[in-house]
Amino acid sequence: MDHAGTTLAIVWKKSATGDARATEIRSIADGRGISLHELTGVHRDESLKSFAARTGWYRGAEVDRLSAEEAAVITDRLILRATRKAPTIADKSGPLRTAMTNVIREQLTRCTSTQCRQDCHKKIVDIARKNLNDEEFNALMEAEKQGYRPIGDER
């Protein structure tokens, strides 16, 4: 992934056909609800040069480390949203934060299917049920429904 997080480089086996590559990319994009397209022209040439030079790109392990950091940011965002509706969550946020971060990290680094993402959601529900009262649980579930991305002035 490039440092801007906008370009994903895939190194294919030499035997991979164009149809096989297109099918795999479509599967990944559809499974994650994102849009992907192949680079062409000057942008492709520049990206290939910088990728070959190993400048401006994160490799696999680095991407996973960034995903772990992002999981913590997402967890904090969800807990902060929920705390606005149920302030008592703040007192319980330690164990909740650790457990949720682990699940969200798993989702960001290992989930490649809708089923896996649904399983991660169920794990978050279980964690919340074990750690929160009904009011707090509902606030956290409402926060999660708003999504992982920042809303308004959130970071």
N, C-alpha and C. Protein backbone atom coordinates (compact mmCIF):
# COMPACT_ATOMS: atom_id res chain seq x y z
N MET A 1 0.86 -1.16 0.00
CA MET A 1 0.00 0.00 0.00
C MET A 1 0.91 1.23 0.00
N ASP A 2 0.53 2.22 -0.81
CA ASP A 2 1.35 3.43 -0.81
C ASP A 2 1.10 4.21 0.48
N HIS A 3 2.02 5.11 0.79
CA HIS A 3 1.92 5.85 2.05
C HIS A 3 0.64 6.66 2.16
N ALA A 4 0.10 7.10 1.05
CA ALA A 4 -1.16 7.85 1.10
C ALA A 4 -2.35 6.95 1.39
N GLY A 5 -2.16 5.64 1.23
CA GLY A 5 -3.25 4.70 1.48
C GLY A 5 -4.26 4.66 0.35
N THR A 6 -3.87 5.13 -0.83
CA THR A 6 -4.80 5.18 -1.96
C THR A 6 -4.51 4.17 -3.05
N THR A 7 -3.34 3.55 -3.00
CA THR A 7 -2.96 2.60 -4.04
C THR A 7 -2.47 1.31 -3.40
N LEU A 8 -3.00 0.22 -3.89
CA LEU A 8 -2.62 -1.11 -3.41
C LEU A 8 -1.90 -1.81 -4.55
N ALA A 9 -0.68 -2.25 -4.29
CA ALA A 9 0.08 -2.97 -5.30
C ALA A 9 -0.08 -4.47 -5.04
N ILE A 10 -0.36 -5.20 -6.09
CA ILE A 10 -0.49 -6.65 -5.99
C ILE A 10 0.57 -7.26 -6.89
N VAL A 11 1.41 -8.10 -6.31
CA VAL A 11 2.43 -8.80 -7.08
C VAL A 11 1.87 -10.18 -7.42
N TRP A 12 1.60 -10.38 -8.70
CA TRP A 12 0.97 -11.62 -9.17
C TRP A 12 2.02 -12.65 -9.56
N LYS A 13 1.66 -13.90 -9.49
CA LYS A 13 2.50 -14.95 -10.06
C LYS A 13 2.52 -14.75 -11.56
N LYS A 14 3.61 -15.13 -12.19
CA LYS A 14 3.73 -14.94 -13.63
C LYS A 14 2.64 -15.68 -14.39
N SER A 15 2.15 -16.76 -13.81
CA SER A 15 1.15 -17.58 -14.50
C SER A 15 -0.27 -17.03 -14.38
N ALA A 16 -0.48 -15.97 -13.58
CA ALA A 16 -1.82 -15.41 -13.38
C ALA A 16 -2.30 -14.74 -14.67
N THR A 17 -3.45 -15.17 -15.13
CA THR A 17 -4.01 -14.58 -16.35
C THR A 17 -4.77 -13.30 -16.02
N GLY A 18 -5.01 -12.50 -17.03
CA GLY A 18 -5.76 -11.26 -16.84
C GLY A 18 -7.14 -11.52 -16.28
N ASP A 19 -7.80 -12.57 -16.78
CA ASP A 19 -9.14 -12.90 -16.28
C ASP A 19 -9.10 -13.31 -14.82
N ALA A 20 -8.09 -14.11 -14.44
CA ALA A 20 -7.97 -14.56 -13.05
C ALA A 20 -7.71 -13.38 -12.12
N ARG A 21 -6.86 -12.45 -12.58
CA ARG A 21 -6.57 -11.26 -11.77
C ARG A 21 -7.83 -10.41 -11.60
N ALA A 22 -8.55 -10.21 -12.70
CA ALA A 22 -9.78 -9.40 -12.64
C ALA A 22 -10.81 -10.03 -11.72
N THR A 23 -10.95 -11.34 -11.77
CA THR A 23 -11.91 -12.05 -10.91
C THR A 23 -11.52 -11.90 -9.45
N GLU A 24 -10.25 -12.05 -9.15
CA GLU A 24 -9.78 -11.93 -7.76
C GLU A 24 -9.98 -10.51 -7.24
N ILE A 25 -9.64 -9.52 -8.04
CA ILE A 25 -9.80 -8.13 -7.62
C ILE A 25 -11.28 -7.81 -7.40
N ARG A 26 -12.13 -8.26 -8.31
CA ARG A 26 -13.57 -8.03 -8.16
C ARG A 26 -14.10 -8.66 -6.88
N SER A 27 -13.63 -9.88 -6.58
CA SER A 27 -14.06 -10.58 -5.38
C SER A 27 -13.67 -9.80 -4.12
N ILE A 28 -12.45 -9.31 -4.09
CA ILE A 28 -11.98 -8.55 -2.93
C ILE A 28 -12.77 -7.25 -2.80
N ALA A 29 -12.93 -6.55 -3.90
CA ALA A 29 -13.64 -5.27 -3.86
C ALA A 29 -15.09 -5.45 -3.44
N ASP A 30 -15.76 -6.43 -4.02
CA ASP A 30 -17.17 -6.67 -3.69
C ASP A 30 -17.33 -7.10 -2.23
N GLY A 31 -16.41 -7.94 -1.75
CA GLY A 31 -16.49 -8.43 -0.38
C GLY A 31 -16.27 -7.35 0.66
N ARG A 32 -15.59 -6.29 0.27
CA ARG A 32 -15.30 -5.20 1.20
C ARG A 32 -16.09 -3.93 0.90
N GLY A 33 -16.89 -3.96 -0.15
CA GLY A 33 -17.69 -2.80 -0.49
C GLY A 33 -16.87 -1.61 -0.94
N ILE A 34 -15.78 -1.88 -1.67
CA ILE A 34 -14.93 -0.80 -2.16
C ILE A 34 -14.82 -0.88 -3.68
N SER A 35 -14.30 0.18 -4.25
CA SER A 35 -14.11 0.24 -5.70
C SER A 35 -12.62 0.17 -5.99
N LEU A 36 -12.22 -0.73 -6.87
CA LEU A 36 -10.82 -0.87 -7.26
C LEU A 36 -10.72 -0.78 -8.77
N HIS A 37 -9.64 -0.18 -9.24
CA HIS A 37 -9.39 -0.15 -10.68
C HIS A 37 -7.90 -0.25 -10.93
N GLU A 38 -7.55 -0.75 -12.09
CA GLU A 38 -6.15 -0.92 -12.46
C GLU A 38 -5.57 0.41 -12.92
N LEU A 39 -4.34 0.68 -12.49
CA LEU A 39 -3.66 1.91 -12.92
C LEU A 39 -3.21 1.77 -14.37
N THR A 40 -3.23 2.86 -15.08
CA THR A 40 -2.77 2.87 -16.46
C THR A 40 -1.93 4.12 -16.71
N GLY A 41 -1.24 4.10 -17.81
CA GLY A 41 -0.50 5.28 -18.27
C GLY A 41 0.60 5.73 -17.34
N VAL A 42 0.75 7.04 -17.26
CA VAL A 42 1.83 7.67 -16.49
C VAL A 42 1.72 7.31 -15.01
N HIS A 43 0.52 7.32 -14.47
CA HIS A 43 0.34 7.01 -13.04
C HIS A 43 0.82 5.59 -12.75
N ARG A 44 0.54 4.65 -13.64
CA ARG A 44 1.00 3.26 -13.48
C ARG A 44 2.52 3.22 -13.52
N ASP A 45 3.11 3.88 -14.50
CA ASP A 45 4.57 3.87 -14.65
C ASP A 45 5.26 4.46 -13.43
N GLU A 46 4.73 5.59 -12.93
CA GLU A 46 5.32 6.22 -11.74
C GLU A 46 5.17 5.32 -10.52
N SER A 47 4.02 4.69 -10.38
CA SER A 47 3.79 3.80 -9.23
C SER A 47 4.71 2.59 -9.29
N LEU A 48 4.88 2.02 -10.47
CA LEU A 48 5.79 0.88 -10.62
C LEU A 48 7.22 1.25 -10.26
N LYS A 49 7.67 2.44 -10.68
CA LYS A 49 9.02 2.89 -10.36
C LYS A 49 9.22 3.02 -8.86
N SER A 50 8.29 3.70 -8.19
CA SER A 50 8.45 3.92 -6.75
C SER A 50 8.32 2.59 -6.00
N PHE A 51 7.46 1.70 -6.49
CA PHE A 51 7.31 0.39 -5.84
C PHE A 51 8.60 -0.41 -5.98
N ALA A 52 9.16 -0.43 -7.16
CA ALA A 52 10.41 -1.17 -7.39
C ALA A 52 11.55 -0.60 -6.56
N ALA A 53 11.55 0.71 -6.36
CA ALA A 53 12.59 1.36 -5.55
C ALA A 53 12.34 1.20 -4.06
N ARG A 54 11.16 0.66 -3.70
CA ARG A 54 10.78 0.44 -2.30
C ARG A 54 10.68 1.75 -1.52
N THR A 55 10.29 2.83 -2.21
CA THR A 55 10.11 4.11 -1.54
C THR A 55 8.64 4.50 -1.61
N GLY A 56 8.12 4.94 -0.47
CA GLY A 56 6.74 5.41 -0.43
C GLY A 56 5.69 4.32 -0.35
N TRP A 57 6.11 3.11 0.03
CA TRP A 57 5.18 1.97 0.10
C TRP A 57 5.33 1.23 1.42
N TYR A 58 4.20 0.77 1.96
CA TYR A 58 4.20 -0.11 3.12
C TYR A 58 4.15 -1.54 2.62
N ARG A 59 4.93 -2.41 3.20
CA ARG A 59 4.90 -3.83 2.86
C ARG A 59 3.89 -4.51 3.79
N GLY A 60 3.63 -5.79 3.57
CA GLY A 60 2.58 -6.53 4.27
C GLY A 60 2.59 -6.39 5.78
N ALA A 61 3.73 -6.66 6.42
CA ALA A 61 3.81 -6.59 7.88
C ALA A 61 3.57 -5.17 8.38
N GLU A 62 4.04 -4.18 7.62
CA GLU A 62 3.83 -2.79 8.01
C GLU A 62 2.34 -2.41 7.92
N VAL A 63 1.67 -2.92 6.91
CA VAL A 63 0.24 -2.66 6.76
C VAL A 63 -0.51 -3.26 7.94
N ASP A 64 -0.12 -4.47 8.35
CA ASP A 64 -0.76 -5.10 9.51
C ASP A 64 -0.53 -4.29 10.78
N ARG A 65 0.67 -3.73 10.94
CA ARG A 65 0.96 -2.89 12.11
C ARG A 65 0.09 -1.63 12.09
N LEU A 66 -0.05 -1.03 10.92
CA LEU A 66 -0.92 0.14 10.79
C LEU A 66 -2.37 -0.23 11.08
N SER A 67 -2.78 -1.42 10.65
CA SER A 67 -4.15 -1.88 10.92
C SER A 67 -4.37 -2.05 12.41
N ALA A 68 -3.36 -2.54 13.13
CA ALA A 68 -3.48 -2.68 14.58
C ALA A 68 -3.64 -1.31 15.23
N GLU A 69 -2.88 -0.33 14.76
CA GLU A 69 -3.02 1.02 15.29
C GLU A 69 -4.40 1.58 14.96
N GLU A 70 -4.87 1.35 13.75
CA GLU A 70 -6.18 1.84 13.34
C GLU A 70 -7.28 1.18 14.15
N ALA A 71 -7.11 -0.09 14.51
CA ALA A 71 -8.11 -0.78 15.34
C ALA A 71 -8.27 -0.07 16.68
N ALA A 72 -7.16 0.37 17.26
CA ALA A 72 -7.22 1.10 18.53
C ALA A 72 -7.91 2.44 18.35
N VAL A 73 -7.65 3.13 17.25
CA VAL A 73 -8.29 4.41 16.97
C VAL A 73 -9.80 4.23 16.80
N ILE A 74 -10.18 3.19 16.06
CA ILE A 74 -11.61 2.91 15.84
C ILE A 74 -12.29 2.59 17.16
N THR A 75 -11.66 1.75 17.98
CA THR A 75 -12.23 1.39 19.27
C THR A 75 -12.44 2.63 20.13
N ASP A 76 -11.42 3.48 20.19
CA ASP A 76 -11.55 4.72 20.98
C ASP A 76 -12.69 5.59 20.45
N ARG A 77 -12.82 5.64 19.13
CA ARG A 77 -13.89 6.44 18.51
C ARG A 77 -15.26 5.90 18.93
N LEU A 78 -15.44 4.58 18.86
CA LEU A 78 -16.73 3.98 19.21
C LEU A 78 -17.05 4.18 20.69
N ILE A 79 -16.05 4.00 21.54
CA ILE A 79 -16.27 4.16 22.98
C ILE A 79 -16.59 5.63 23.30
N LEU A 80 -15.90 6.56 22.65
CA LEU A 80 -16.18 7.97 22.87
C LEU A 80 -17.62 8.31 22.44
N ARG A 81 -18.03 7.82 21.29
CA ARG A 81 -19.41 8.05 20.85
C ARG A 81 -20.41 7.51 21.87
N ALA A 82 -20.15 6.29 22.33
CA ALA A 82 -21.06 5.65 23.28
C ALA A 82 -21.05 6.38 24.62
N THR A 83 -19.90 6.87 25.04
CA THR A 83 -19.77 7.57 26.32
C THR A 83 -20.57 8.85 26.33
N ARG A 84 -20.75 9.46 25.18
CA ARG A 84 -21.57 10.68 25.10
C ARG A 84 -23.02 10.38 25.47
N LYS A 85 -23.48 9.18 25.18
CA LYS A 85 -24.87 8.79 25.49
C LYS A 85 -24.98 8.10 26.85
N ALA A 86 -23.91 7.41 27.23
CA ALA A 86 -23.91 6.68 28.51
C ALA A 86 -22.55 6.92 29.18
N PRO A 87 -22.40 8.01 29.92
CA PRO A 87 -21.11 8.40 30.50
C PRO A 87 -20.46 7.34 31.39
N THR A 88 -21.24 6.44 31.95
CA THR A 88 -20.67 5.42 32.85
C THR A 88 -19.77 4.42 32.12
N ILE A 89 -19.83 4.40 30.81
CA ILE A 89 -18.95 3.50 30.04
C ILE A 89 -17.48 3.85 30.30
N ALA A 90 -17.20 5.11 30.52
CA ALA A 90 -15.82 5.55 30.73
C ALA A 90 -15.14 4.76 31.84
N ASP A 91 -15.88 4.43 32.90
CA ASP A 91 -15.32 3.69 34.02
C ASP A 91 -15.00 2.24 33.66
N LYS A 92 -15.59 1.73 32.60
CA LYS A 92 -15.42 0.32 32.20
C LYS A 92 -14.61 0.19 30.92
N SER A 93 -14.04 1.27 30.45
CA SER A 93 -13.46 1.26 29.11
C SER A 93 -12.15 0.47 28.99
N GLY A 94 -11.43 0.25 30.07
CA GLY A 94 -10.15 -0.47 30.00
C GLY A 94 -10.27 -1.85 29.37
N PRO A 95 -10.97 -2.78 30.05
CA PRO A 95 -11.09 -4.13 29.48
C PRO A 95 -11.89 -4.14 28.18
N LEU A 96 -12.85 -3.26 28.09
CA LEU A 96 -13.67 -3.16 26.88
C LEU A 96 -12.79 -2.75 25.70
N ARG A 97 -11.95 -1.76 25.91
CA ARG A 97 -11.06 -1.26 24.86
C ARG A 97 -10.12 -2.36 24.37
N THR A 98 -9.51 -3.09 25.28
CA THR A 98 -8.56 -4.14 24.90
C THR A 98 -9.25 -5.22 24.06
N ALA A 99 -10.37 -5.70 24.54
CA ALA A 99 -11.06 -6.78 23.85
C ALA A 99 -11.59 -6.34 22.49
N MET A 100 -12.17 -5.15 22.42
CA MET A 100 -12.70 -4.66 21.15
C MET A 100 -11.59 -4.39 20.15
N THR A 101 -10.48 -3.85 20.61
CA THR A 101 -9.35 -3.58 19.71
C THR A 101 -8.86 -4.88 19.08
N ASN A 102 -8.79 -5.93 19.86
CA ASN A 102 -8.35 -7.22 19.32
C ASN A 102 -9.28 -7.72 18.23
N VAL A 103 -10.57 -7.59 18.45
CA VAL A 103 -11.55 -8.05 17.45
C VAL A 103 -11.49 -7.19 16.20
N ILE A 104 -11.41 -5.89 16.36
CA ILE A 104 -11.37 -5.01 15.20
C ILE A 104 -10.06 -5.20 14.43
N ARG A 105 -8.95 -5.42 15.14
CA ARG A 105 -7.69 -5.72 14.46
C ARG A 105 -7.83 -7.00 13.63
N GLU A 106 -8.46 -8.01 14.20
CA GLU A 106 -8.70 -9.25 13.47
C GLU A 106 -9.53 -8.97 12.21
N GLN A 107 -10.54 -8.14 12.36
CA GLN A 107 -11.39 -7.81 11.22
C GLN A 107 -10.60 -7.10 10.13
N LEU A 108 -9.74 -6.17 10.51
CA LEU A 108 -8.98 -5.40 9.52
C LEU A 108 -7.87 -6.21 8.86
N THR A 109 -7.31 -7.17 9.57
CA THR A 109 -6.15 -7.89 9.02
C THR A 109 -6.46 -9.27 8.47
N ARG A 110 -7.56 -9.88 8.91
CA ARG A 110 -7.80 -11.27 8.52
C ARG A 110 -9.11 -11.51 7.79
N CYS A 111 -10.06 -10.61 7.90
CA CYS A 111 -11.38 -10.85 7.32
C CYS A 111 -11.38 -10.57 5.82
N THR A 112 -11.80 -11.56 5.08
CA THR A 112 -11.90 -11.40 3.63
C THR A 112 -13.31 -11.72 3.14
N SER A 113 -14.22 -11.95 4.06
CA SER A 113 -15.58 -12.30 3.65
C SER A 113 -16.60 -11.57 4.52
N THR A 114 -17.80 -11.48 3.99
CA THR A 114 -18.89 -10.88 4.75
C THR A 114 -19.15 -11.68 6.01
N GLN A 115 -19.06 -13.00 5.92
CA GLN A 115 -19.29 -13.86 7.09
C GLN A 115 -18.30 -13.55 8.20
N CYS A 116 -17.04 -13.37 7.84
CA CYS A 116 -16.02 -13.06 8.84
C CYS A 116 -16.34 -11.73 9.53
N ARG A 117 -16.74 -10.72 8.76
CA ARG A 117 -17.09 -9.43 9.37
C ARG A 117 -18.30 -9.56 10.28
N GLN A 118 -19.26 -10.39 9.90
CA GLN A 118 -20.42 -10.62 10.75
C GLN A 118 -20.01 -11.32 12.04
N ASP A 119 -19.08 -12.26 11.93
CA ASP A 119 -18.58 -12.96 13.12
C ASP A 119 -17.88 -11.98 14.06
N CYS A 120 -17.11 -11.04 13.50
CA CYS A 120 -16.45 -10.04 14.33
C CYS A 120 -17.48 -9.15 15.03
N HIS A 121 -18.54 -8.79 14.32
CA HIS A 121 -19.61 -8.00 14.94
C HIS A 121 -20.21 -8.77 16.12
N LYS A 122 -20.45 -10.06 15.94
CA LYS A 122 -21.01 -10.88 17.03
C LYS A 122 -20.06 -10.91 18.23
N LYS A 123 -18.76 -10.95 17.97
CA LYS A 123 -17.79 -10.93 19.06
C LYS A 123 -17.85 -9.60 19.82
N ILE A 124 -18.01 -8.51 19.09
CA ILE A 124 -18.13 -7.20 19.74
C ILE A 124 -19.39 -7.15 20.59
N VAL A 125 -20.49 -7.69 20.06
CA VAL A 125 -21.74 -7.75 20.82
C VAL A 125 -21.53 -8.55 22.11
N ASP A 126 -20.86 -9.70 22.00
CA ASP A 126 -20.60 -10.53 23.19
C ASP A 126 -19.75 -9.79 24.21
N ILE A 127 -18.72 -9.11 23.75
CA ILE A 127 -17.84 -8.35 24.65
C ILE A 127 -18.65 -7.26 25.36
N ALA A 128 -19.46 -6.54 24.59
CA ALA A 128 -20.27 -5.46 25.17
C ALA A 128 -21.26 -6.00 26.19
N ARG A 129 -21.91 -7.12 25.88
CA ARG A 129 -22.88 -7.73 26.81
C ARG A 129 -22.22 -8.12 28.13
N LYS A 130 -20.98 -8.62 28.04
CA LYS A 130 -20.27 -9.08 29.25
C LYS A 130 -19.80 -7.91 30.11
N ASN A 131 -19.57 -6.76 29.49
CA ASN A 131 -18.94 -5.65 30.21
C ASN A 131 -19.86 -4.48 30.54
N LEU A 132 -21.02 -4.41 29.90
CA LEU A 132 -21.85 -3.22 30.02
C LEU A 132 -23.26 -3.54 30.47
N ASN A 133 -23.90 -2.55 31.10
CA ASN A 133 -25.32 -2.70 31.43
C ASN A 133 -26.14 -2.41 30.16
N ASP A 134 -27.45 -2.53 30.24
CA ASP A 134 -28.30 -2.39 29.05
C ASP A 134 -28.17 -1.01 28.39
N GLU A 135 -28.19 0.04 29.19
CA GLU A 135 -28.09 1.39 28.64
C GLU A 135 -26.74 1.58 27.92
N GLU A 136 -25.67 1.15 28.56
CA GLU A 136 -24.34 1.28 27.98
C GLU A 136 -24.21 0.42 26.71
N PHE A 137 -24.73 -0.79 26.79
CA PHE A 137 -24.71 -1.69 25.64
C PHE A 137 -25.41 -1.04 24.44
N ASN A 138 -26.60 -0.52 24.67
CA ASN A 138 -27.35 0.11 23.58
C ASN A 138 -26.60 1.30 22.99
N ALA A 139 -25.96 2.07 23.85
CA ALA A 139 -25.19 3.23 23.37
C ALA A 139 -24.02 2.77 22.50
N LEU A 140 -23.34 1.71 22.91
CA LEU A 140 -22.22 1.21 22.12
C LEU A 140 -22.69 0.63 20.79
N MET A 141 -23.79 -0.09 20.80
CA MET A 141 -24.32 -0.67 19.56
C MET A 141 -24.76 0.43 18.60
N GLU A 142 -25.33 1.50 19.15
CA GLU A 142 -25.72 2.64 18.32
C GLU A 142 -24.47 3.30 17.71
N ALA A 143 -23.43 3.41 18.51
CA ALA A 143 -22.17 3.99 18.02
C ALA A 143 -21.58 3.13 16.91
N GLU A 144 -21.64 1.82 17.06
CA GLU A 144 -21.08 0.92 16.04
C GLU A 144 -21.89 1.00 14.75
N LYS A 145 -23.20 1.15 14.86
CA LYS A 145 -24.05 1.25 13.66
C LYS A 145 -23.68 2.45 12.80
N GLN A 146 -23.10 3.47 13.43
CA GLN A 146 -22.69 4.67 12.69
C GLN A 146 -21.44 4.41 11.85
N GLY A 147 -20.81 3.27 12.05
CA GLY A 147 -19.65 2.90 11.25
C GLY A 147 -18.33 3.23 11.93
N TYR A 148 -17.28 2.74 11.32
CA TYR A 148 -15.93 2.90 11.87
C TYR A 148 -15.29 4.22 11.47
N ARG A 149 -15.76 4.83 10.42
CA ARG A 149 -15.14 6.06 9.93
C ARG A 149 -15.55 7.26 10.77
N PRO A 150 -14.69 8.28 10.82
CA PRO A 150 -15.03 9.49 11.58
C PRO A 150 -16.27 10.16 11.04
N ILE A 151 -17.03 10.75 11.94
CA ILE A 151 -18.23 11.50 11.59
C ILE A 151 -18.03 12.93 12.10
N GLY A 152 -18.34 13.89 11.28
CA GLY A 152 -18.22 15.29 11.70
C GLY A 152 -16.80 15.65 12.07
N ASP A 153 -16.61 16.10 13.31
CA ASP A 153 -15.27 16.55 13.74
C ASP A 153 -14.47 15.44 14.42
N GLU A 154 -14.94 14.20 14.34
CA GLU A 154 -14.18 13.10 14.93
C GLU A 154 -12.88 12.90 14.17
N ARG A 155 -11.91 12.34 14.88
CA ARG A 155 -10.63 12.01 14.23
C ARG A 155 -10.49 10.53 14.10
